[in-house]
Amino acid sequence: MNIDEIFDYTSFTIDREPHIVLDAQVCVGCDARGCTNACPARCYTWSEEDQKMTFVHDGCLECGTCYVVCHKKAFTRWRYPRGGFGVAYRMT
């Protein structure tokens, strides 16, 4: 199974309150922006034209990869979603 196939076996209960909050101003000073390549759910998008990082928590797989690769510590909050919200994996 590859990473793209995982989305066929997942469902999301989306919380209006994001479980991850990003300080996008910190991203402006980042030269690597590893989150854009490392996030398997592709939740991070860098706009070179606008010099802006966009993060969408709706499809987050809650793997923590972004937190690990962010050497600028751009997160003002990173936690798992509140009970009953977030990703649900169904691998059968």
PDB file of N, CA and C in Angstrom:
ATOM      1  N   MET A   1       0.851  -1.171   0.000  1.00  0.00           N
ATOM      2  CA  MET A   1       0.000   0.000   0.000  1.00  0.00           C
ATOM      3  C   MET A   1       0.898   1.236   0.000  1.00  0.00           C
ATOM      4  N   ASN A   2       0.606   2.198  -0.853  1.00  0.00           N
ATOM      5  CA  ASN A   2       1.370   3.438  -0.845  1.00  0.00           C
ATOM      6  C   ASN A   2       0.567   4.534  -0.140  1.00  0.00           C
ATOM      7  N   ILE A   3       1.213   5.659   0.073  1.00  0.00           N
ATOM      8  CA  ILE A   3       0.601   6.734   0.855  1.00  0.00           C
ATOM      9  C   ILE A   3      -0.685   7.254   0.222  1.00  0.00           C
ATOM     10  N   ASP A   4      -0.755   7.295  -1.093  1.00  0.00           N
ATOM     11  CA  ASP A   4      -1.968   7.788  -1.741  1.00  0.00           C
ATOM     12  C   ASP A   4      -3.148   6.849  -1.523  1.00  0.00           C
ATOM     13  N   GLU A   5      -2.880   5.555  -1.403  1.00  0.00           N
ATOM     14  CA  GLU A   5      -3.957   4.593  -1.170  1.00  0.00           C
ATOM     15  C   GLU A   5      -4.529   4.677   0.240  1.00  0.00           C
ATOM     16  N   ILE A   6      -3.757   5.222   1.167  1.00  0.00           N
ATOM     17  CA  ILE A   6      -4.247   5.353   2.543  1.00  0.00           C
ATOM     18  C   ILE A   6      -5.522   6.195   2.588  1.00  0.00           C
ATOM     19  N   PHE A   7      -5.611   7.183   1.714  1.00  0.00           N
ATOM     20  CA  PHE A   7      -6.793   8.045   1.721  1.00  0.00           C
ATOM     21  C   PHE A   7      -8.063   7.297   1.326  1.00  0.00           C
ATOM     22  N   ASP A   8      -7.919   6.180   0.636  1.00  0.00           N
ATOM     23  CA  ASP A   8      -9.084   5.355   0.312  1.00  0.00           C
ATOM     24  C   ASP A   8      -9.634   4.653   1.548  1.00  0.00           C
ATOM     25  N   TYR A   9      -8.807   4.548   2.585  1.00  0.00           N
ATOM     26  CA  TYR A   9      -9.187   3.814   3.790  1.00  0.00           C
ATOM     27  C   TYR A   9      -9.295   4.713   5.017  1.00  0.00           C
ATOM     28  N   THR A  10      -9.437   5.993   4.818  1.00  0.00           N
ATOM     29  CA  THR A  10      -9.532   6.905   5.951  1.00  0.00           C
ATOM     30  C   THR A  10     -10.800   7.727   5.867  1.00  0.00           C
ATOM     31  N   SER A  11     -11.240   8.156   7.019  1.00  0.00           N
ATOM     32  CA  SER A  11     -12.353   9.101   7.080  1.00  0.00           C
ATOM     33  C   SER A  11     -11.989  10.159   8.111  1.00  0.00           C
ATOM     34  N   PHE A  12     -12.597  11.300   7.980  1.00  0.00           N
ATOM     35  CA  PHE A  12     -12.284  12.422   8.847  1.00  0.00           C
ATOM     36  C   PHE A  12     -13.551  12.976   9.460  1.00  0.00           C
ATOM     37  N   THR A  13     -13.497  13.252  10.747  1.00  0.00           N
ATOM     38  CA  THR A  13     -14.536  14.015  11.425  1.00  0.00           C
ATOM     39  C   THR A  13     -13.877  15.340  11.753  1.00  0.00           C
ATOM     40  N   ILE A  14     -14.219  16.332  10.986  1.00  0.00           N
ATOM     41  CA  ILE A  14     -13.512  17.613  11.041  1.00  0.00           C
ATOM     42  C   ILE A  14     -14.064  18.498  12.141  1.00  0.00           C
ATOM     43  N   ASP A  15     -13.151  18.985  12.953  1.00  0.00           N
ATOM     44  CA  ASP A  15     -13.456  19.918  14.024  1.00  0.00           C
ATOM     45  C   ASP A  15     -13.267  21.329  13.481  1.00  0.00           C
ATOM     46  N   ARG A  16     -14.150  22.227  13.822  1.00  0.00           N
ATOM     47  CA  ARG A  16     -13.986  23.628  13.403  1.00  0.00           C
ATOM     48  C   ARG A  16     -12.750  24.239  14.045  1.00  0.00           C
ATOM     49  N   GLU A  17     -12.426  23.777  15.252  1.00  0.00           N
ATOM     50  CA  GLU A  17     -11.237  24.278  15.944  1.00  0.00           C
ATOM     51  C   GLU A  17     -10.030  23.456  15.502  1.00  0.00           C
ATOM     52  N   PRO A  18      -9.064  24.090  14.831  1.00  0.00           N
ATOM     53  CA  PRO A  18      -7.900  23.326  14.365  1.00  0.00           C
ATOM     54  C   PRO A  18      -7.045  22.814  15.517  1.00  0.00           C
ATOM     55  N   HIS A  19      -6.550  21.619  15.364  1.00  0.00           N
ATOM     56  CA  HIS A  19      -5.681  21.032  16.387  1.00  0.00           C
ATOM     57  C   HIS A  19      -4.233  21.465  16.207  1.00  0.00           C
ATOM     58  N   ILE A  20      -3.932  21.999  15.041  1.00  0.00           N
ATOM     59  CA  ILE A  20      -2.606  22.527  14.749  1.00  0.00           C
ATOM     60  C   ILE A  20      -2.765  23.984  14.349  1.00  0.00           C
ATOM     61  N   VAL A  21      -1.996  24.846  14.997  1.00  0.00           N
ATOM     62  CA  VAL A  21      -2.014  26.270  14.659  1.00  0.00           C
ATOM     63  C   VAL A  21      -0.595  26.664  14.271  1.00  0.00           C
ATOM     64  N   LEU A  22      -0.494  27.240  13.116  1.00  0.00           N
ATOM     65  CA  LEU A  22       0.791  27.593  12.532  1.00  0.00           C
ATOM     66  C   LEU A  22       0.956  29.106  12.527  1.00  0.00           C
ATOM     67  N   ASP A  23       2.112  29.584  12.939  1.00  0.00           N
ATOM     68  CA  ASP A  23       2.444  30.996  12.819  1.00  0.00           C
ATOM     69  C   ASP A  23       3.082  31.175  11.449  1.00  0.00           C
ATOM     70  N   ALA A  24       2.278  31.515  10.458  1.00  0.00           N
ATOM     71  CA  ALA A  24       2.726  31.584   9.070  1.00  0.00           C
ATOM     72  C   ALA A  24       3.807  32.638   8.859  1.00  0.00           C
ATOM     73  N   GLN A  25       3.912  33.613   9.738  1.00  0.00           N
ATOM     74  CA  GLN A  25       4.969  34.618   9.618  1.00  0.00           C
ATOM     75  C   GLN A  25       6.345  33.985   9.820  1.00  0.00           C
ATOM     76  N   VAL A  26       6.417  32.981  10.674  1.00  0.00           N
ATOM     77  CA  VAL A  26       7.684  32.275  10.887  1.00  0.00           C
ATOM     78  C   VAL A  26       8.117  31.579   9.593  1.00  0.00           C
ATOM     79  N   CYS A  27       7.165  31.086   8.834  1.00  0.00           N
ATOM     80  CA  CYS A  27       7.458  30.372   7.592  1.00  0.00           C
ATOM     81  C   CYS A  27       8.086  31.272   6.537  1.00  0.00           C
ATOM     82  N   VAL A  28       7.802  32.552   6.589  1.00  0.00           N
ATOM     83  CA  VAL A  28       8.376  33.484   5.620  1.00  0.00           C
ATOM     84  C   VAL A  28       9.899  33.481   5.727  1.00  0.00           C
ATOM     85  N   GLY A  29      10.423  33.346   6.934  1.00  0.00           N
ATOM     86  CA  GLY A  29      11.866  33.339   7.145  1.00  0.00           C
ATOM     87  C   GLY A  29      12.518  31.978   7.007  1.00  0.00           C
ATOM     88  N   CYS A  30      11.749  30.977   6.647  1.00  0.00           N
ATOM     89  CA  CYS A  30      12.287  29.614   6.506  1.00  0.00           C
ATOM     90  C   CYS A  30      12.774  29.394   5.081  1.00  0.00           C
ATOM     91  N   ASP A  31      13.975  28.874   4.958  1.00  0.00           N
ATOM     92  CA  ASP A  31      14.499  28.613   3.621  1.00  0.00           C
ATOM     93  C   ASP A  31      14.225  27.180   3.159  1.00  0.00           C
ATOM     94  N   ALA A  32      13.941  26.280   4.082  1.00  0.00           N
ATOM     95  CA  ALA A  32      13.751  24.874   3.729  1.00  0.00           C
ATOM     96  C   ALA A  32      12.296  24.522   3.428  1.00  0.00           C
ATOM     97  N   ARG A  33      11.389  24.964   4.279  1.00  0.00           N
ATOM     98  CA  ARG A  33       9.958  24.636   4.170  1.00  0.00           C
ATOM     99  C   ARG A  33       9.740  23.143   3.963  1.00  0.00           C
ATOM    100  N   GLY A  34      10.377  22.364   4.838  1.00  0.00           N
ATOM    101  CA  GLY A  34      10.307  20.914   4.756  1.00  0.00           C
ATOM    102  C   GLY A  34       8.904  20.363   4.876  1.00  0.00           C
ATOM    103  N   CYS A  35       8.034  21.069   5.564  1.00  0.00           N
ATOM    104  CA  CYS A  35       6.657  20.592   5.749  1.00  0.00           C
ATOM    105  C   CYS A  35       5.928  20.426   4.420  1.00  0.00           C
ATOM    106  N   THR A  36       6.245  21.278   3.437  1.00  0.00           N
ATOM    107  CA  THR A  36       5.547  21.191   2.158  1.00  0.00           C
ATOM    108  C   THR A  36       5.860  19.893   1.424  1.00  0.00           C
ATOM    109  N   ASN A  37       7.043  19.352   1.644  1.00  0.00           N
ATOM    110  CA  ASN A  37       7.424  18.088   0.998  1.00  0.00           C
ATOM    111  C   ASN A  37       7.215  16.876   1.900  1.00  0.00           C
ATOM    112  N   ALA A  38       7.296  17.073   3.206  1.00  0.00           N
ATOM    113  CA  ALA A  38       7.247  15.939   4.131  1.00  0.00           C
ATOM    114  C   ALA A  38       5.834  15.519   4.515  1.00  0.00           C
ATOM    115  N   CYS A  39       4.897  16.430   4.497  1.00  0.00           N
ATOM    116  CA  CYS A  39       3.525  16.100   4.924  1.00  0.00           C
ATOM    117  C   CYS A  39       2.890  15.133   3.925  1.00  0.00           C
ATOM    118  N   PRO A  40       2.557  13.908   4.370  1.00  0.00           N
ATOM    119  CA  PRO A  40       1.966  12.943   3.440  1.00  0.00           C
ATOM    120  C   PRO A  40       0.567  13.328   2.986  1.00  0.00           C
ATOM    121  N   ALA A  41      -0.116  14.175   3.754  1.00  0.00           N
ATOM    122  CA  ALA A  41      -1.469  14.601   3.391  1.00  0.00           C
ATOM    123  C   ALA A  41      -1.464  15.882   2.567  1.00  0.00           C
ATOM    124  N   ARG A  42      -0.279  16.449   2.369  1.00  0.00           N
ATOM    125  CA  ARG A  42      -0.122  17.684   1.589  1.00  0.00           C
ATOM    126  C   ARG A  42      -0.970  18.826   2.156  1.00  0.00           C
ATOM    127  N   CYS A  43      -0.902  18.990   3.468  1.00  0.00           N
ATOM    128  CA  CYS A  43      -1.677  20.032   4.149  1.00  0.00           C
ATOM    129  C   CYS A  43      -1.021  21.410   4.064  1.00  0.00           C
ATOM    130  N   TYR A  44       0.236  21.460   3.649  1.00  0.00           N
ATOM    131  CA  TYR A  44       0.992  22.717   3.611  1.00  0.00           C
ATOM    132  C   TYR A  44       1.258  23.131   2.173  1.00  0.00           C
ATOM    133  N   THR A  45       1.012  24.403   1.876  1.00  0.00           N
ATOM    134  CA  THR A  45       1.268  24.941   0.549  1.00  0.00           C
ATOM    135  C   THR A  45       1.972  26.280   0.689  1.00  0.00           C
ATOM    136  N   TRP A  46       3.114  26.399   0.024  1.00  0.00           N
ATOM    137  CA  TRP A  46       3.852  27.662   0.022  1.00  0.00           C
ATOM    138  C   TRP A  46       3.588  28.385  -1.300  1.00  0.00           C
ATOM    139  N   SER A  47       3.187  29.654  -1.213  1.00  0.00           N
ATOM    140  CA  SER A  47       3.005  30.492  -2.391  1.00  0.00           C
ATOM    141  C   SER A  47       4.205  31.414  -2.510  1.00  0.00           C
ATOM    142  N   GLU A  48       5.020  31.176  -3.505  1.00  0.00           N
ATOM    143  CA  GLU A  48       6.188  32.030  -3.733  1.00  0.00           C
ATOM    144  C   GLU A  48       5.748  33.443  -4.104  1.00  0.00           C
ATOM    145  N   GLU A  49       4.696  33.524  -4.877  1.00  0.00           N
ATOM    146  CA  GLU A  49       4.190  34.831  -5.312  1.00  0.00           C
ATOM    147  C   GLU A  49       3.723  35.691  -4.139  1.00  0.00           C
ATOM    148  N   ASP A  50       2.975  35.077  -3.224  1.00  0.00           N
ATOM    149  CA  ASP A  50       2.442  35.817  -2.070  1.00  0.00           C
ATOM    150  C   ASP A  50       3.356  35.774  -0.860  1.00  0.00           C
ATOM    151  N   GLN A  51       4.411  34.944  -0.934  1.00  0.00           N
ATOM    152  CA  GLN A  51       5.303  34.739   0.218  1.00  0.00           C
ATOM    153  C   GLN A  51       4.482  34.354   1.445  1.00  0.00           C
ATOM    154  N   LYS A  52       3.650  33.318   1.247  1.00  0.00           N
ATOM    155  CA  LYS A  52       2.712  32.923   2.297  1.00  0.00           C
ATOM    156  C   LYS A  52       2.580  31.405   2.366  1.00  0.00           C
ATOM    157  N   MET A  53       2.551  30.898   3.606  1.00  0.00           N
ATOM    158  CA  MET A  53       2.307  29.478   3.850  1.00  0.00           C
ATOM    159  C   MET A  53       0.832  29.310   4.198  1.00  0.00           C
ATOM    160  N   THR A  54       0.212  28.334   3.581  1.00  0.00           N
ATOM    161  CA  THR A  54      -1.175  28.000   3.885  1.00  0.00           C
ATOM    162  C   THR A  54      -1.203  26.595   4.470  1.00  0.00           C
ATOM    163  N   PHE A  55      -1.957  26.446   5.555  1.00  0.00           N
ATOM    164  CA  PHE A  55      -2.120  25.142   6.188  1.00  0.00           C
ATOM    165  C   PHE A  55      -3.609  24.844   6.306  1.00  0.00           C
ATOM    166  N   VAL A  56      -4.001  23.645   5.887  1.00  0.00           N
ATOM    167  CA  VAL A  56      -5.389  23.211   5.991  1.00  0.00           C
ATOM    168  C   VAL A  56      -5.407  21.949   6.845  1.00  0.00           C
ATOM    169  N   HIS A  57      -6.067  22.020   7.993  1.00  0.00           N
ATOM    170  CA  HIS A  57      -6.037  20.895   8.936  1.00  0.00           C
ATOM    171  C   HIS A  57      -7.050  19.796   8.623  1.00  0.00           C
ATOM    172  N   ASP A  58      -7.944  20.043   7.695  1.00  0.00           N
ATOM    173  CA  ASP A  58      -9.042  19.105   7.419  1.00  0.00           C
ATOM    174  C   ASP A  58      -8.581  17.695   7.065  1.00  0.00           C
ATOM    175  N   GLY A  59      -7.523  17.558   6.296  1.00  0.00           N
ATOM    176  CA  GLY A  59      -7.079  16.239   5.857  1.00  0.00           C
ATOM    177  C   GLY A  59      -5.852  15.729   6.577  1.00  0.00           C
ATOM    178  N   CYS A  60      -5.544  16.320   7.718  1.00  0.00           N
ATOM    179  CA  CYS A  60      -4.342  15.954   8.472  1.00  0.00           C
ATOM    180  C   CYS A  60      -4.411  14.496   8.932  1.00  0.00           C
ATOM    181  N   LEU A  61      -3.315  13.777   8.717  1.00  0.00           N
ATOM    182  CA  LEU A  61      -3.232  12.367   9.128  1.00  0.00           C
ATOM    183  C   LEU A  61      -2.714  12.204  10.557  1.00  0.00           C
ATOM    184  N   GLU A  62      -2.394  13.320  11.213  1.00  0.00           N
ATOM    185  CA  GLU A  62      -1.960  13.337  12.613  1.00  0.00           C
ATOM    186  C   GLU A  62      -0.683  12.526  12.848  1.00  0.00           C
ATOM    187  N   CYS A  63       0.196  12.519  11.866  1.00  0.00           N
ATOM    188  CA  CYS A  63       1.412  11.708  11.970  1.00  0.00           C
ATOM    189  C   CYS A  63       2.542  12.425  12.705  1.00  0.00           C
ATOM    190  N   GLY A  64       2.500  13.757  12.743  1.00  0.00           N
ATOM    191  CA  GLY A  64       3.529  14.515  13.441  1.00  0.00           C
ATOM    192  C   GLY A  64       4.753  14.837  12.613  1.00  0.00           C
ATOM    193  N   THR A  65       4.767  14.448  11.359  1.00  0.00           N
ATOM    194  CA  THR A  65       5.927  14.696  10.506  1.00  0.00           C
ATOM    195  C   THR A  65       6.243  16.181  10.413  1.00  0.00           C
ATOM    196  N   CYS A  66       5.236  17.010  10.261  1.00  0.00           N
ATOM    197  CA  CYS A  66       5.465  18.454  10.146  1.00  0.00           C
ATOM    198  C   CYS A  66       6.146  19.004  11.393  1.00  0.00           C
ATOM    199  N   TYR A  67       5.737  18.525  12.527  1.00  0.00           N
ATOM    200  CA  TYR A  67       6.307  18.986  13.793  1.00  0.00           C
ATOM    201  C   TYR A  67       7.791  18.615  13.900  1.00  0.00           C
ATOM    202  N   VAL A  68       8.121  17.447  13.398  1.00  0.00           N
ATOM    203  CA  VAL A  68       9.499  16.962  13.460  1.00  0.00           C
ATOM    204  C   VAL A  68      10.397  17.729  12.481  1.00  0.00           C
ATOM    205  N   VAL A  69       9.922  17.979  11.269  1.00  0.00           N
ATOM    206  CA  VAL A  69      10.780  18.600  10.251  1.00  0.00           C
ATOM    207  C   VAL A  69      10.857  20.118  10.362  1.00  0.00           C
ATOM    208  N   CYS A  70       9.990  20.741  11.136  1.00  0.00           N
ATOM    209  CA  CYS A  70       9.989  22.203  11.240  1.00  0.00           C
ATOM    210  C   CYS A  70      11.110  22.662  12.174  1.00  0.00           C
ATOM    211  N   HIS A  71      12.214  23.105  11.591  1.00  0.00           N
ATOM    212  CA  HIS A  71      13.339  23.547  12.410  1.00  0.00           C
ATOM    213  C   HIS A  71      13.164  24.982  12.910  1.00  0.00           C
ATOM    214  N   LYS A  72      12.139  25.678  12.438  1.00  0.00           N
ATOM    215  CA  LYS A  72      11.855  27.053  12.887  1.00  0.00           C
ATOM    216  C   LYS A  72      10.852  27.097  14.036  1.00  0.00           C
ATOM    217  N   LYS A  73      10.297  25.945  14.379  1.00  0.00           N
ATOM    218  CA  LYS A  73       9.296  25.857  15.459  1.00  0.00           C
ATOM    219  C   LYS A  73       8.150  26.842  15.217  1.00  0.00           C
ATOM    220  N   ALA A  74       7.536  26.718  14.058  1.00  0.00           N
ATOM    221  CA  ALA A  74       6.495  27.643  13.619  1.00  0.00           C
ATOM    222  C   ALA A  74       5.120  27.364  14.213  1.00  0.00           C
ATOM    223  N   PHE A  75       4.999  26.330  15.022  1.00  0.00           N
ATOM    224  CA  PHE A  75       3.685  25.970  15.561  1.00  0.00           C
ATOM    225  C   PHE A  75       3.415  26.674  16.882  1.00  0.00           C
ATOM    226  N   THR A  76       2.288  27.350  16.953  1.00  0.00           N
ATOM    227  CA  THR A  76       1.879  27.910  18.236  1.00  0.00           C
ATOM    228  C   THR A  76       1.090  26.863  19.023  1.00  0.00           C
ATOM    229  N   ARG A  77       0.585  25.857  18.272  1.00  0.00           N
ATOM    230  CA  ARG A  77      -0.078  24.723  18.932  1.00  0.00           C
ATOM    231  C   ARG A  77      -0.001  23.516  18.000  1.00  0.00           C
ATOM    232  N   TRP A  78       0.393  22.387  18.558  1.00  0.00           N
ATOM    233  CA  TRP A  78       0.344  21.108  17.854  1.00  0.00           C
ATOM    234  C   TRP A  78      -0.112  20.083  18.875  1.00  0.00           C
ATOM    235  N   ARG A  79      -1.288  19.562  18.647  1.00  0.00           N
ATOM    236  CA  ARG A  79      -1.845  18.530  19.516  1.00  0.00           C
ATOM    237  C   ARG A  79      -2.731  17.637  18.655  1.00  0.00           C
ATOM    238  N   TYR A  80      -3.156  16.564  19.239  1.00  0.00           N
ATOM    239  CA  TYR A  80      -4.105  15.710  18.536  1.00  0.00           C
ATOM    240  C   TYR A  80      -5.494  16.332  18.664  1.00  0.00           C
ATOM    241  N   PRO A  81      -6.404  16.040  17.727  1.00  0.00           N
ATOM    242  CA  PRO A  81      -7.743  16.618  17.791  1.00  0.00           C
ATOM    243  C   PRO A  81      -8.491  16.208  19.060  1.00  0.00           C
ATOM    244  N   ARG A  82      -9.458  17.010  19.392  1.00  0.00           N
ATOM    245  CA  ARG A  82     -10.317  16.700  20.541  1.00  0.00           C
ATOM    246  C   ARG A  82     -11.007  15.359  20.303  1.00  0.00           C
ATOM    247  N   GLY A  83     -11.415  14.731  21.380  1.00  0.00           N
ATOM    248  CA  GLY A  83     -12.082  13.437  21.295  1.00  0.00           C
ATOM    249  C   GLY A  83     -13.249  13.445  20.331  1.00  0.00           C
ATOM    250  N   GLY A  84     -13.315  12.432  19.493  1.00  0.00           N
ATOM    251  CA  GLY A  84     -14.394  12.318  18.526  1.00  0.00           C
ATOM    252  C   GLY A  84     -14.100  12.987  17.199  1.00  0.00           C
ATOM    253  N   PHE A  85     -13.000  13.733  17.118  1.00  0.00           N
ATOM    254  CA  PHE A  85     -12.642  14.421  15.886  1.00  0.00           C
ATOM    255  C   PHE A  85     -11.326  13.872  15.342  1.00  0.00           C
ATOM    256  N   GLY A  86     -11.065  14.179  14.083  1.00  0.00           N
ATOM    257  CA  GLY A  86      -9.794  13.802  13.479  1.00  0.00           C
ATOM    258  C   GLY A  86      -9.953  12.655  12.501  1.00  0.00           C
ATOM    259  N   VAL A  87      -8.837  12.009  12.259  1.00  0.00           N
ATOM    260  CA  VAL A  87      -8.780  10.941  11.267  1.00  0.00           C
ATOM    261  C   VAL A  87      -9.146   9.603  11.902  1.00  0.00           C
ATOM    262  N   ALA A  88      -9.807   8.773  11.104  1.00  0.00           N
ATOM    263  CA  ALA A  88     -10.112   7.395  11.508  1.00  0.00           C
ATOM    264  C   ALA A  88      -9.614   6.482  10.397  1.00  0.00           C
ATOM    265  N   TYR A  89      -8.724   5.567  10.750  1.00  0.00           N
ATOM    266  CA  TYR A  89      -8.170   4.649   9.757  1.00  0.00           C
ATOM    267  C   TYR A  89      -8.986   3.364   9.725  1.00  0.00           C
ATOM    268  N   ARG A  90      -9.253   2.889   8.538  1.00  0.00           N
ATOM    269  CA  ARG A  90      -9.958   1.619   8.345  1.00  0.00           C
ATOM    270  C   ARG A  90      -9.115   0.812   7.379  1.00  0.00           C
ATOM    271  N   MET A  91      -8.300  -0.087   7.899  1.00  0.00           N
ATOM    272  CA  MET A  91      -7.351  -0.810   7.063  1.00  0.00           C
ATOM    273  C   MET A  91      -7.858  -2.171   6.600  1.00  0.00           C
ATOM    274  N   THR A  92      -9.138  -2.383   6.644  1.00  0.00           N
ATOM    275  CA  THR A  92      -9.675  -3.658   6.167  1.00  0.00           C
ATOM    276  C   THR A  92     -10.512  -3.464   4.934  1.00  0.00           C
TER     277      THR A  92
END
